[in-house]
Amino acid sequence: MRNFNPTLAGAVLAAVGVALGAFGAHALRTRLDPATLANFETGVRYQMYAALALLALGTQPGQRRAPVLLLAGAVVFSGTLYVLALTGQRWLGAVTPIGGVLLIAGFVVAALDARRADGMR
């Protein structure tokens, strides 16, 4: 993705993550049962991991594939947890692991690309 800016994506993802974390802590604390609130908080936590990784990868010119995978993973993983917590749509639990796989793939690709950029084989 030629016009994809990992730093911009990371900053937006982090800002939204902070807002959603505050929303969960204040507005949802009394409305969701503890297990559902924990799922929402897991979504926020992993969104922030991806945001921080995107901010870091944005400083690395050789990182083009990993940021896209990380953003997609955050949207799918965290997004399904948010919708699941807010709507109770249990079928989304089957989609959430796809986001987790995308996040893992993003971190693995980032490592491989960093290794290649260092001239290691």
PDB file of N, CA and C in Angstrom:
ATOM      1  N   MET A   1       0.839  -1.166   0.000  1.00  0.00           N
ATOM      2  CA  MET A   1       0.000   0.000   0.000  1.00  0.00           C
ATOM      3  C   MET A   1       0.890   1.236   0.000  1.00  0.00           C
ATOM      4  N   ARG A   2       0.954   1.847  -1.094  1.00  0.00           N
ATOM      5  CA  ARG A   2       1.902   2.926  -1.345  1.00  0.00           C
ATOM      6  C   ARG A   2       1.679   4.163  -0.487  1.00  0.00           C
ATOM      7  N   ASN A   3       0.454   4.561  -0.245  1.00  0.00           N
ATOM      8  CA  ASN A   3       0.170   5.775   0.505  1.00  0.00           C
ATOM      9  C   ASN A   3      -0.128   5.512   1.981  1.00  0.00           C
ATOM     10  N   PHE A   4       0.080   4.302   2.432  1.00  0.00           N
ATOM     11  CA  PHE A   4      -0.195   3.956   3.824  1.00  0.00           C
ATOM     12  C   PHE A   4       0.887   4.553   4.714  1.00  0.00           C
ATOM     13  N   ASN A   5       0.490   5.295   5.729  1.00  0.00           N
ATOM     14  CA  ASN A   5       1.416   5.939   6.651  1.00  0.00           C
ATOM     15  C   ASN A   5       1.279   5.270   8.018  1.00  0.00           C
ATOM     16  N   PRO A   6       2.226   4.382   8.392  1.00  0.00           N
ATOM     17  CA  PRO A   6       2.125   3.673   9.669  1.00  0.00           C
ATOM     18  C   PRO A   6       2.107   4.598  10.882  1.00  0.00           C
ATOM     19  N   THR A   7       2.841   5.712  10.818  1.00  0.00           N
ATOM     20  CA  THR A   7       2.866   6.625  11.951  1.00  0.00           C
ATOM     21  C   THR A   7       1.495   7.271  12.149  1.00  0.00           C
ATOM     22  N   LEU A   8       0.886   7.705  11.070  1.00  0.00           N
ATOM     23  CA  LEU A   8      -0.453   8.277  11.144  1.00  0.00           C
ATOM     24  C   LEU A   8      -1.453   7.241  11.658  1.00  0.00           C
ATOM     25  N   ALA A   9      -1.390   6.034  11.098  1.00  0.00           N
ATOM     26  CA  ALA A   9      -2.305   4.975  11.527  1.00  0.00           C
ATOM     27  C   ALA A   9      -2.104   4.645  13.003  1.00  0.00           C
ATOM     28  N   GLY A  10      -0.848   4.585  13.442  1.00  0.00           N
ATOM     29  CA  GLY A  10      -0.567   4.294  14.848  1.00  0.00           C
ATOM     30  C   GLY A  10      -1.070   5.373  15.774  1.00  0.00           C
ATOM     31  N   ALA A  11      -0.895   6.625  15.373  1.00  0.00           N
ATOM     32  CA  ALA A  11      -1.357   7.737  16.210  1.00  0.00           C
ATOM     33  C   ALA A  11      -2.881   7.733  16.330  1.00  0.00           C
ATOM     34  N   VAL A  12      -3.572   7.500  15.227  1.00  0.00           N
ATOM     35  CA  VAL A  12      -5.036   7.454  15.260  1.00  0.00           C
ATOM     36  C   VAL A  12      -5.507   6.259  16.075  1.00  0.00           C
ATOM     37  N   LEU A  13      -4.888   5.106  15.858  1.00  0.00           N
ATOM     38  CA  LEU A  13      -5.261   3.904  16.605  1.00  0.00           C
ATOM     39  C   LEU A  13      -5.043   4.115  18.102  1.00  0.00           C
ATOM     40  N   ALA A  14      -3.948   4.774  18.482  1.00  0.00           N
ATOM     41  CA  ALA A  14      -3.680   5.030  19.892  1.00  0.00           C
ATOM     42  C   ALA A  14      -4.698   6.003  20.478  1.00  0.00           C
ATOM     43  N   ALA A  15      -5.015   7.069  19.757  1.00  0.00           N
ATOM     44  CA  ALA A  15      -5.993   8.042  20.254  1.00  0.00           C
ATOM     45  C   ALA A  15      -7.359   7.388  20.469  1.00  0.00           C
ATOM     46  N   VAL A  16      -7.768   6.586  19.499  1.00  0.00           N
ATOM     47  CA  VAL A  16      -9.051   5.885  19.626  1.00  0.00           C
ATOM     48  C   VAL A  16      -8.981   4.879  20.773  1.00  0.00           C
ATOM     49  N   GLY A  17      -7.833   4.226  20.934  1.00  0.00           N
ATOM     50  CA  GLY A  17      -7.668   3.276  22.028  1.00  0.00           C
ATOM     51  C   GLY A  17      -7.801   3.925  23.397  1.00  0.00           C
ATOM     52  N   VAL A  18      -7.205   5.093  23.565  1.00  0.00           N
ATOM     53  CA  VAL A  18      -7.332   5.820  24.834  1.00  0.00           C
ATOM     54  C   VAL A  18      -8.792   6.207  25.069  1.00  0.00           C
ATOM     55  N   ALA A  19      -9.446   6.704  24.028  1.00  0.00           N
ATOM     56  CA  ALA A  19     -10.855   7.094  24.165  1.00  0.00           C
ATOM     57  C   ALA A  19     -11.730   5.892  24.524  1.00  0.00           C
ATOM     58  N   LEU A  20     -11.496   4.762  23.852  1.00  0.00           N
ATOM     59  CA  LEU A  20     -12.288   3.570  24.150  1.00  0.00           C
ATOM     60  C   LEU A  20     -11.977   3.019  25.541  1.00  0.00           C
ATOM     61  N   GLY A  21     -10.723   3.119  25.950  1.00  0.00           N
ATOM     62  CA  GLY A  21     -10.370   2.688  27.303  1.00  0.00           C
ATOM     63  C   GLY A  21     -11.091   3.518  28.351  1.00  0.00           C
ATOM     64  N   ALA A  22     -11.143   4.824  28.154  1.00  0.00           N
ATOM     65  CA  ALA A  22     -11.862   5.699  29.085  1.00  0.00           C
ATOM     66  C   ALA A  22     -13.362   5.405  29.065  1.00  0.00           C
ATOM     67  N   PHE A  23     -13.893   5.183  27.858  1.00  0.00           N
ATOM     68  CA  PHE A  23     -15.305   4.833  27.723  1.00  0.00           C
ATOM     69  C   PHE A  23     -15.621   3.547  28.493  1.00  0.00           C
ATOM     70  N   GLY A  24     -14.762   2.557  28.331  1.00  0.00           N
ATOM     71  CA  GLY A  24     -14.977   1.304  29.029  1.00  0.00           C
ATOM     72  C   GLY A  24     -14.891   1.456  30.536  1.00  0.00           C
ATOM     73  N   ALA A  25     -13.906   2.215  30.999  1.00  0.00           N
ATOM     74  CA  ALA A  25     -13.700   2.386  32.440  1.00  0.00           C
ATOM     75  C   ALA A  25     -14.814   3.187  33.093  1.00  0.00           C
ATOM     76  N   HIS A  26     -15.382   4.126  32.371  1.00  0.00           N
ATOM     77  CA  HIS A  26     -16.370   4.999  32.991  1.00  0.00           C
ATOM     78  C   HIS A  26     -17.809   4.665  32.608  1.00  0.00           C
ATOM     79  N   ALA A  27     -18.082   4.530  31.334  1.00  0.00           N
ATOM     80  CA  ALA A  27     -19.465   4.331  30.898  1.00  0.00           C
ATOM     81  C   ALA A  27     -19.914   2.872  30.949  1.00  0.00           C
ATOM     82  N   LEU A  28     -18.979   1.960  30.760  1.00  0.00           N
ATOM     83  CA  LEU A  28     -19.382   0.547  30.684  1.00  0.00           C
ATOM     84  C   LEU A  28     -19.206  -0.219  31.993  1.00  0.00           C
ATOM     85  N   ARG A  29     -18.459   0.342  32.920  1.00  0.00           N
ATOM     86  CA  ARG A  29     -18.142  -0.368  34.166  1.00  0.00           C
ATOM     87  C   ARG A  29     -19.387  -0.865  34.887  1.00  0.00           C
ATOM     88  N   THR A  30     -20.435  -0.069  34.898  1.00  0.00           N
ATOM     89  CA  THR A  30     -21.650  -0.465  35.608  1.00  0.00           C
ATOM     90  C   THR A  30     -22.678  -1.133  34.697  1.00  0.00           C
ATOM     91  N   ARG A  31     -22.399  -1.164  33.403  1.00  0.00           N
ATOM     92  CA  ARG A  31     -23.379  -1.708  32.451  1.00  0.00           C
ATOM     93  C   ARG A  31     -23.043  -3.105  31.951  1.00  0.00           C
ATOM     94  N   LEU A  32     -21.786  -3.499  32.071  1.00  0.00           N
ATOM     95  CA  LEU A  32     -21.367  -4.814  31.589  1.00  0.00           C
ATOM     96  C   LEU A  32     -20.949  -5.680  32.762  1.00  0.00           C
ATOM     97  N   ASP A  33     -21.168  -6.984  32.617  1.00  0.00           N
ATOM     98  CA  ASP A  33     -20.675  -7.891  33.650  1.00  0.00           C
ATOM     99  C   ASP A  33     -19.147  -7.922  33.578  1.00  0.00           C
ATOM    100  N   PRO A  34     -18.478  -8.344  34.644  1.00  0.00           N
ATOM    101  CA  PRO A  34     -17.014  -8.289  34.682  1.00  0.00           C
ATOM    102  C   PRO A  34     -16.319  -9.038  33.533  1.00  0.00           C
ATOM    103  N   ALA A  35     -16.839 -10.181  33.135  1.00  0.00           N
ATOM    104  CA  ALA A  35     -16.204 -10.944  32.055  1.00  0.00           C
ATOM    105  C   ALA A  35     -16.319 -10.202  30.717  1.00  0.00           C
ATOM    106  N   THR A  36     -17.461  -9.615  30.451  1.00  0.00           N
ATOM    107  CA  THR A  36     -17.652  -8.880  29.209  1.00  0.00           C
ATOM    108  C   THR A  36     -16.799  -7.613  29.199  1.00  0.00           C
ATOM    109  N   LEU A  37     -16.730  -6.925  30.345  1.00  0.00           N
ATOM    110  CA  LEU A  37     -15.881  -5.740  30.445  1.00  0.00           C
ATOM    111  C   LEU A  37     -14.414  -6.121  30.251  1.00  0.00           C
ATOM    112  N   ALA A  38     -14.012  -7.273  30.764  1.00  0.00           N
ATOM    113  CA  ALA A  38     -12.632  -7.749  30.568  1.00  0.00           C
ATOM    114  C   ALA A  38     -12.349  -7.989  29.090  1.00  0.00           C
ATOM    115  N   ASN A  39     -13.322  -8.525  28.357  1.00  0.00           N
ATOM    116  CA  ASN A  39     -13.147  -8.715  26.906  1.00  0.00           C
ATOM    117  C   ASN A  39     -12.973  -7.380  26.207  1.00  0.00           C
ATOM    118  N   PHE A  40     -13.766  -6.390  26.592  1.00  0.00           N
ATOM    119  CA  PHE A  40     -13.645  -5.046  26.016  1.00  0.00           C
ATOM    120  C   PHE A  40     -12.251  -4.491  26.299  1.00  0.00           C
ATOM    121  N   GLU A  41     -11.788  -4.640  27.545  1.00  0.00           N
ATOM    122  CA  GLU A  41     -10.467  -4.142  27.936  1.00  0.00           C
ATOM    123  C   GLU A  41      -9.344  -4.876  27.195  1.00  0.00           C
ATOM    124  N   THR A  42      -9.543  -6.148  26.902  1.00  0.00           N
ATOM    125  CA  THR A  42      -8.556  -6.888  26.104  1.00  0.00           C
ATOM    126  C   THR A  42      -8.460  -6.279  24.709  1.00  0.00           C
ATOM    127  N   GLY A  43      -9.592  -5.921  24.144  1.00  0.00           N
ATOM    128  CA  GLY A  43      -9.582  -5.259  22.839  1.00  0.00           C
ATOM    129  C   GLY A  43      -8.795  -3.958  22.879  1.00  0.00           C
ATOM    130  N   VAL A  44      -9.006  -3.160  23.920  1.00  0.00           N
ATOM    131  CA  VAL A  44      -8.283  -1.895  24.059  1.00  0.00           C
ATOM    132  C   VAL A  44      -6.787  -2.155  24.198  1.00  0.00           C
ATOM    133  N   ARG A  45      -6.427  -3.124  25.028  1.00  0.00           N
ATOM    134  CA  ARG A  45      -5.006  -3.424  25.259  1.00  0.00           C
ATOM    135  C   ARG A  45      -4.303  -3.833  23.976  1.00  0.00           C
ATOM    136  N   TYR A  46      -4.901  -4.732  23.219  1.00  0.00           N
ATOM    137  CA  TYR A  46      -4.264  -5.181  21.976  1.00  0.00           C
ATOM    138  C   TYR A  46      -4.280  -4.100  20.897  1.00  0.00           C
ATOM    139  N   GLN A  47      -5.290  -3.240  20.921  1.00  0.00           N
ATOM    140  CA  GLN A  47      -5.291  -2.108  19.998  1.00  0.00           C
ATOM    141  C   GLN A  47      -4.105  -1.200  20.306  1.00  0.00           C
ATOM    142  N   MET A  48      -3.831  -0.988  21.580  1.00  0.00           N
ATOM    143  CA  MET A  48      -2.704  -0.135  21.954  1.00  0.00           C
ATOM    144  C   MET A  48      -1.375  -0.800  21.596  1.00  0.00           C
ATOM    145  N   TYR A  49      -1.265  -2.112  21.762  1.00  0.00           N
ATOM    146  CA  TYR A  49      -0.033  -2.800  21.344  1.00  0.00           C
ATOM    147  C   TYR A  49       0.214  -2.546  19.858  1.00  0.00           C
ATOM    148  N   ALA A  50      -0.834  -2.717  19.065  1.00  0.00           N
ATOM    149  CA  ALA A  50      -0.692  -2.510  17.617  1.00  0.00           C
ATOM    150  C   ALA A  50      -0.361  -1.058  17.309  1.00  0.00           C
ATOM    151  N   ALA A  51      -0.995  -0.122  18.017  1.00  0.00           N
ATOM    152  CA  ALA A  51      -0.730   1.300  17.786  1.00  0.00           C
ATOM    153  C   ALA A  51       0.733   1.632  18.069  1.00  0.00           C
ATOM    154  N   LEU A  52       1.250   1.146  19.178  1.00  0.00           N
ATOM    155  CA  LEU A  52       2.645   1.421  19.526  1.00  0.00           C
ATOM    156  C   LEU A  52       3.599   0.788  18.517  1.00  0.00           C
ATOM    157  N   ALA A  53       3.257  -0.407  18.062  1.00  0.00           N
ATOM    158  CA  ALA A  53       4.088  -1.061  17.054  1.00  0.00           C
ATOM    159  C   ALA A  53       4.066  -0.263  15.746  1.00  0.00           C
ATOM    160  N   LEU A  54       2.905   0.232  15.356  1.00  0.00           N
ATOM    161  CA  LEU A  54       2.814   1.036  14.138  1.00  0.00           C
ATOM    162  C   LEU A  54       3.636   2.312  14.259  1.00  0.00           C
ATOM    163  N   LEU A  55       3.591   2.953  15.410  1.00  0.00           N
ATOM    164  CA  LEU A  55       4.397   4.159  15.624  1.00  0.00           C
ATOM    165  C   LEU A  55       5.883   3.844  15.485  1.00  0.00           C
ATOM    166  N   ALA A  56       6.308   2.726  16.043  1.00  0.00           N
ATOM    167  CA  ALA A  56       7.722   2.333  15.937  1.00  0.00           C
ATOM    168  C   ALA A  56       8.088   1.956  14.506  1.00  0.00           C
ATOM    169  N   LEU A  57       7.238   1.177  13.854  1.00  0.00           N
ATOM    170  CA  LEU A  57       7.541   0.739  12.490  1.00  0.00           C
ATOM    171  C   LEU A  57       7.513   1.899  11.498  1.00  0.00           C
ATOM    172  N   GLY A  58       6.780   2.951  11.833  1.00  0.00           N
ATOM    173  CA  GLY A  58       6.739   4.118  10.970  1.00  0.00           C
ATOM    174  C   GLY A  58       8.091   4.798  10.830  1.00  0.00           C
ATOM    175  N   THR A  59       9.004   4.500  11.744  1.00  0.00           N
ATOM    176  CA  THR A  59      10.348   5.085  11.670  1.00  0.00           C
ATOM    177  C   THR A  59      11.306   4.213  10.868  1.00  0.00           C
ATOM    178  N   GLN A  60      10.832   3.074  10.418  1.00  0.00           N
ATOM    179  CA  GLN A  60      11.671   2.115   9.711  1.00  0.00           C
ATOM    180  C   GLN A  60      11.263   2.054   8.241  1.00  0.00           C
ATOM    181  N   PRO A  61      12.080   2.583   7.332  1.00  0.00           N
ATOM    182  CA  PRO A  61      11.680   2.642   5.924  1.00  0.00           C
ATOM    183  C   PRO A  61      11.444   1.276   5.273  1.00  0.00           C
ATOM    184  N   GLY A  62      12.070   0.236   5.758  1.00  0.00           N
ATOM    185  CA  GLY A  62      11.908  -1.082   5.146  1.00  0.00           C
ATOM    186  C   GLY A  62      10.663  -1.822   5.586  1.00  0.00           C
ATOM    187  N   GLN A  63       9.888  -1.246   6.468  1.00  0.00           N
ATOM    188  CA  GLN A  63       8.698  -1.918   6.990  1.00  0.00           C
ATOM    189  C   GLN A  63       7.464  -1.454   6.218  1.00  0.00           C
ATOM    190  N   ARG A  64       7.069  -2.262   5.264  1.00  0.00           N
ATOM    191  CA  ARG A  64       5.884  -1.919   4.472  1.00  0.00           C
ATOM    192  C   ARG A  64       4.750  -2.918   4.652  1.00  0.00           C
ATOM    193  N   ARG A  65       5.112  -4.182   4.836  1.00  0.00           N
ATOM    194  CA  ARG A  65       4.079  -5.215   4.930  1.00  0.00           C
ATOM    195  C   ARG A  65       3.526  -5.351   6.339  1.00  0.00           C
ATOM    196  N   ALA A  66       4.405  -5.322   7.320  1.00  0.00           N
ATOM    197  CA  ALA A  66       3.989  -5.543   8.704  1.00  0.00           C
ATOM    198  C   ALA A  66       2.962  -4.526   9.195  1.00  0.00           C
ATOM    199  N   PRO A  67       3.137  -3.238   8.926  1.00  0.00           N
ATOM    200  CA  PRO A  67       2.143  -2.284   9.425  1.00  0.00           C
ATOM    201  C   PRO A  67       0.726  -2.553   8.919  1.00  0.00           C
ATOM    202  N   VAL A  68       0.610  -2.981   7.676  1.00  0.00           N
ATOM    203  CA  VAL A  68      -0.717  -3.277   7.129  1.00  0.00           C
ATOM    204  C   VAL A  68      -1.339  -4.464   7.865  1.00  0.00           C
ATOM    205  N   LEU A  69      -0.536  -5.488   8.114  1.00  0.00           N
ATOM    206  CA  LEU A  69      -1.032  -6.655   8.851  1.00  0.00           C
ATOM    207  C   LEU A  69      -1.424  -6.276  10.274  1.00  0.00           C
ATOM    208  N   LEU A  70      -0.618  -5.443  10.921  1.00  0.00           N
ATOM    209  CA  LEU A  70      -0.917  -5.033  12.292  1.00  0.00           C
ATOM    210  C   LEU A  70      -2.193  -4.201  12.365  1.00  0.00           C
ATOM    211  N   LEU A  71      -2.369  -3.294  11.435  1.00  0.00           N
ATOM    212  CA  LEU A  71      -3.593  -2.492  11.436  1.00  0.00           C
ATOM    213  C   LEU A  71      -4.815  -3.377  11.199  1.00  0.00           C
ATOM    214  N   ALA A  72      -4.725  -4.264  10.223  1.00  0.00           N
ATOM    215  CA  ALA A  72      -5.845  -5.173   9.944  1.00  0.00           C
ATOM    216  C   ALA A  72      -6.130  -6.050  11.162  1.00  0.00           C
ATOM    217  N   GLY A  73      -5.077  -6.546  11.791  1.00  0.00           N
ATOM    218  CA  GLY A  73      -5.251  -7.380  12.971  1.00  0.00           C
ATOM    219  C   GLY A  73      -5.921  -6.634  14.108  1.00  0.00           C
ATOM    220  N   ALA A  74      -5.509  -5.394  14.332  1.00  0.00           N
ATOM    221  CA  ALA A  74      -6.117  -4.598  15.408  1.00  0.00           C
ATOM    222  C   ALA A  74      -7.591  -4.333  15.127  1.00  0.00           C
ATOM    223  N   VAL A  75      -7.903  -4.002  13.877  1.00  0.00           N
ATOM    224  CA  VAL A  75      -9.289  -3.712  13.527  1.00  0.00           C
ATOM    225  C   VAL A  75     -10.156  -4.956  13.720  1.00  0.00           C
ATOM    226  N   VAL A  76      -9.678  -6.094  13.250  1.00  0.00           N
ATOM    227  CA  VAL A  76     -10.479  -7.319  13.345  1.00  0.00           C
ATOM    228  C   VAL A  76     -10.526  -7.823  14.790  1.00  0.00           C
ATOM    229  N   PHE A  77      -9.363  -7.943  15.440  1.00  0.00           N
ATOM    230  CA  PHE A  77      -9.323  -8.488  16.799  1.00  0.00           C
ATOM    231  C   PHE A  77     -10.070  -7.585  17.777  1.00  0.00           C
ATOM    232  N   SER A  78      -9.640  -6.345  17.869  1.00  0.00           N
ATOM    233  CA  SER A  78     -10.250  -5.436  18.838  1.00  0.00           C
ATOM    234  C   SER A  78     -11.678  -5.081  18.439  1.00  0.00           C
ATOM    235  N   GLY A  79     -11.880  -4.852  17.161  1.00  0.00           N
ATOM    236  CA  GLY A  79     -13.220  -4.497  16.705  1.00  0.00           C
ATOM    237  C   GLY A  79     -14.261  -5.541  17.032  1.00  0.00           C
ATOM    238  N   THR A  80     -13.923  -6.809  16.820  1.00  0.00           N
ATOM    239  CA  THR A  80     -14.899  -7.856  17.133  1.00  0.00           C
ATOM    240  C   THR A  80     -15.139  -7.943  18.639  1.00  0.00           C
ATOM    241  N   LEU A  81     -14.105  -7.717  19.448  1.00  0.00           N
ATOM    242  CA  LEU A  81     -14.308  -7.734  20.902  1.00  0.00           C
ATOM    243  C   LEU A  81     -15.197  -6.576  21.344  1.00  0.00           C
ATOM    244  N   TYR A  82     -15.031  -5.410  20.741  1.00  0.00           N
ATOM    245  CA  TYR A  82     -15.878  -4.268  21.088  1.00  0.00           C
ATOM    246  C   TYR A  82     -17.338  -4.549  20.733  1.00  0.00           C
ATOM    247  N   VAL A  83     -17.549  -5.008  19.512  1.00  0.00           N
ATOM    248  CA  VAL A  83     -18.924  -5.269  19.069  1.00  0.00           C
ATOM    249  C   VAL A  83     -19.534  -6.398  19.895  1.00  0.00           C
ATOM    250  N   LEU A  84     -18.755  -7.419  20.184  1.00  0.00           N
ATOM    251  CA  LEU A  84     -19.233  -8.530  21.012  1.00  0.00           C
ATOM    252  C   LEU A  84     -19.660  -8.024  22.389  1.00  0.00           C
ATOM    253  N   ALA A  85     -18.830  -7.175  23.012  1.00  0.00           N
ATOM    254  CA  ALA A  85     -19.140  -6.667  24.346  1.00  0.00           C
ATOM    255  C   ALA A  85     -20.372  -5.766  24.333  1.00  0.00           C
ATOM    256  N   LEU A  86     -20.508  -4.967  23.297  1.00  0.00           N
ATOM    257  CA  LEU A  86     -21.598  -3.991  23.262  1.00  0.00           C
ATOM    258  C   LEU A  86     -22.919  -4.543  22.761  1.00  0.00           C
ATOM    259  N   THR A  87     -22.857  -5.612  21.954  1.00  0.00           N
ATOM    260  CA  THR A  87     -24.095  -6.140  21.369  1.00  0.00           C
ATOM    261  C   THR A  87     -24.444  -7.551  21.827  1.00  0.00           C
ATOM    262  N   GLY A  88     -23.462  -8.271  22.347  1.00  0.00           N
ATOM    263  CA  GLY A  88     -23.707  -9.660  22.742  1.00  0.00           C
ATOM    264  C   GLY A  88     -23.740 -10.630  21.581  1.00  0.00           C
ATOM    265  N   GLN A  89     -23.333 -10.202  20.415  1.00  0.00           N
ATOM    266  CA  GLN A  89     -23.324 -11.073  19.234  1.00  0.00           C
ATOM    267  C   GLN A  89     -22.214 -12.114  19.388  1.00  0.00           C
ATOM    268  N   ARG A  90     -22.539 -13.250  19.930  1.00  0.00           N
ATOM    269  CA  ARG A  90     -21.559 -14.280  20.274  1.00  0.00           C
ATOM    270  C   ARG A  90     -20.830 -14.861  19.058  1.00  0.00           C
ATOM    271  N   TRP A  91     -21.458 -14.843  17.901  1.00  0.00           N
ATOM    272  CA  TRP A  91     -20.821 -15.417  16.706  1.00  0.00           C
ATOM    273  C   TRP A  91     -19.520 -14.699  16.372  1.00  0.00           C
ATOM    274  N   LEU A  92     -19.362 -13.458  16.829  1.00  0.00           N
ATOM    275  CA  LEU A  92     -18.134 -12.724  16.552  1.00  0.00           C
ATOM    276  C   LEU A  92     -16.924 -13.358  17.226  1.00  0.00           C
ATOM    277  N   GLY A  93     -17.184 -14.146  18.263  1.00  0.00           N
ATOM    278  CA  GLY A  93     -16.092 -14.853  18.923  1.00  0.00           C
ATOM    279  C   GLY A  93     -15.349 -15.781  17.976  1.00  0.00           C
ATOM    280  N   ALA A  94     -16.015 -16.205  16.909  1.00  0.00           N
ATOM    281  CA  ALA A  94     -15.362 -17.066  15.920  1.00  0.00           C
ATOM    282  C   ALA A  94     -14.489 -16.261  14.964  1.00  0.00           C
ATOM    283  N   VAL A  95     -14.717 -14.967  14.864  1.00  0.00           N
ATOM    284  CA  VAL A  95     -13.958 -14.107  13.954  1.00  0.00           C
ATOM    285  C   VAL A  95     -12.726 -13.514  14.650  1.00  0.00           C
ATOM    286  N   THR A  96     -12.836 -13.282  15.942  1.00  0.00           N
ATOM    287  CA  THR A  96     -11.768 -12.635  16.708  1.00  0.00           C
ATOM    288  C   THR A  96     -10.396 -13.287  16.498  1.00  0.00           C
ATOM    289  N   PRO A  97     -10.275 -14.618  16.508  1.00  0.00           N
ATOM    290  CA  PRO A  97      -8.950 -15.225  16.325  1.00  0.00           C
ATOM    291  C   PRO A  97      -8.286 -14.889  14.987  1.00  0.00           C
ATOM    292  N   ILE A  98      -9.072 -14.571  13.981  1.00  0.00           N
ATOM    293  CA  ILE A  98      -8.481 -14.160  12.696  1.00  0.00           C
ATOM    294  C   ILE A  98      -7.675 -12.878  12.909  1.00  0.00           C
ATOM    295  N   GLY A  99      -8.212 -11.961  13.684  1.00  0.00           N
ATOM    296  CA  GLY A  99      -7.483 -10.754  14.014  1.00  0.00           C
ATOM    297  C   GLY A  99      -6.218 -11.056  14.789  1.00  0.00           C
ATOM    298  N   GLY A 100      -6.280 -12.020  15.698  1.00  0.00           N
ATOM    299  CA  GLY A 100      -5.094 -12.418  16.447  1.00  0.00           C
ATOM    300  C   GLY A 100      -4.013 -12.982  15.540  1.00  0.00           C
ATOM    301  N   VAL A 101      -4.416 -13.783  14.576  1.00  0.00           N
ATOM    302  CA  VAL A 101      -3.454 -14.341  13.621  1.00  0.00           C
ATOM    303  C   VAL A 101      -2.825 -13.224  12.784  1.00  0.00           C
ATOM    304  N   LEU A 102      -3.623 -12.245  12.390  1.00  0.00           N
ATOM    305  CA  LEU A 102      -3.081 -11.110  11.634  1.00  0.00           C
ATOM    306  C   LEU A 102      -2.078 -10.320  12.471  1.00  0.00           C
ATOM    307  N   LEU A 103      -2.370 -10.116  13.757  1.00  0.00           N
ATOM    308  CA  LEU A 103      -1.428  -9.426  14.638  1.00  0.00           C
ATOM    309  C   LEU A 103      -0.121 -10.207  14.753  1.00  0.00           C
ATOM    310  N   ILE A 104      -0.223 -11.494  14.987  1.00  0.00           N
ATOM    311  CA  ILE A 104       0.981 -12.330  15.097  1.00  0.00           C
ATOM    312  C   ILE A 104       1.775 -12.270  13.797  1.00  0.00           C
ATOM    313  N   ALA A 105       1.069 -12.406  12.673  1.00  0.00           N
ATOM    314  CA  ALA A 105       1.750 -12.349  11.373  1.00  0.00           C
ATOM    315  C   ALA A 105       2.446 -11.003  11.194  1.00  0.00           C
ATOM    316  N   GLY A 106       1.808  -9.934  11.613  1.00  0.00           N
ATOM    317  CA  GLY A 106       2.422  -8.617  11.504  1.00  0.00           C
ATOM    318  C   GLY A 106       3.718  -8.512  12.285  1.00  0.00           C
ATOM    319  N   PHE A 107       3.734  -9.038  13.502  1.00  0.00           N
ATOM    320  CA  PHE A 107       4.953  -8.996  14.306  1.00  0.00           C
ATOM    321  C   PHE A 107       6.040  -9.900  13.718  1.00  0.00           C
ATOM    322  N   VAL A 108       5.659 -11.053  13.211  1.00  0.00           N
ATOM    323  CA  VAL A 108       6.636 -11.963  12.594  1.00  0.00           C
ATOM    324  C   VAL A 108       7.227 -11.329  11.334  1.00  0.00           C
ATOM    325  N   VAL A 109       6.378 -10.759  10.498  1.00  0.00           N
ATOM    326  CA  VAL A 109       6.859 -10.101   9.278  1.00  0.00           C
ATOM    327  C   VAL A 109       7.757  -8.915   9.635  1.00  0.00           C
ATOM    328  N   ALA A 110       7.409  -8.168  10.674  1.00  0.00           N
ATOM    329  CA  ALA A 110       8.252  -7.050  11.111  1.00  0.00           C
ATOM    330  C   ALA A 110       9.638  -7.556  11.493  1.00  0.00           C
ATOM    331  N   ALA A 111       9.681  -8.668  12.209  1.00  0.00           N
ATOM    332  CA  ALA A 111      10.975  -9.244  12.604  1.00  0.00           C
ATOM    333  C   ALA A 111      11.761  -9.705  11.386  1.00  0.00           C
ATOM    334  N   LEU A 112      11.103 -10.372  10.466  1.00  0.00           N
ATOM    335  CA  LEU A 112      11.785 -10.855   9.260  1.00  0.00           C
ATOM    336  C   LEU A 112      12.313  -9.699   8.408  1.00  0.00           C
ATOM    337  N   ASP A 113      11.497  -8.657   8.268  1.00  0.00           N
ATOM    338  CA  ASP A 113      11.933  -7.504   7.486  1.00  0.00           C
ATOM    339  C   ASP A 113      13.073  -6.752   8.179  1.00  0.00           C
ATOM    340  N   ALA A 114      13.036  -6.676   9.501  1.00  0.00           N
ATOM    341  CA  ALA A 114      14.127  -6.041  10.234  1.00  0.00           C
ATOM    342  C   ALA A 114      15.403  -6.843  10.080  1.00  0.00           C
ATOM    343  N   ARG A 115      15.278  -8.140  10.117  1.00  0.00           N
ATOM    344  CA  ARG A 115      16.433  -9.024   9.935  1.00  0.00           C
ATOM    345  C   ARG A 115      17.041  -8.827   8.544  1.00  0.00           C
ATOM    346  N   ARG A 116      16.169  -8.757   7.550  1.00  0.00           N
ATOM    347  CA  ARG A 116      16.642  -8.564   6.175  1.00  0.00           C
ATOM    348  C   ARG A 116      17.293  -7.195   6.026  1.00  0.00           C
ATOM    349  N   ALA A 117      16.739  -6.176   6.650  1.00  0.00           N
ATOM    350  CA  ALA A 117      17.294  -4.817   6.558  1.00  0.00           C
ATOM    351  C   ALA A 117      18.687  -4.741   7.180  1.00  0.00           C
ATOM    352  N   ASP A 118      18.947  -5.595   8.149  1.00  0.00           N
ATOM    353  CA  ASP A 118      20.273  -5.641   8.776  1.00  0.00           C
ATOM    354  C   ASP A 118      21.263  -6.492   7.986  1.00  0.00           C
ATOM    355  N   GLY A 119      20.805  -7.071   6.879  1.00  0.00           N
ATOM    356  CA  GLY A 119      21.672  -7.903   6.062  1.00  0.00           C
ATOM    357  C   GLY A 119      21.881  -9.300   6.613  1.00  0.00           C
ATOM    358  N   MET A 120      21.071  -9.692   7.584  1.00  0.00           N
ATOM    359  CA  MET A 120      21.185 -11.027   8.171  1.00  0.00           C
ATOM    360  C   MET A 120      20.413 -12.016   7.311  1.00  0.00           C
ATOM    361  N   ARG A 121      20.840 -13.220   7.327  1.00  0.00           N
ATOM    362  CA  ARG A 121      20.119 -14.273   6.572  1.00  0.00           C
ATOM    363  C   ARG A 121      19.692 -15.384   7.474  1.00  0.00           C
TER     364      ARG A 121
END
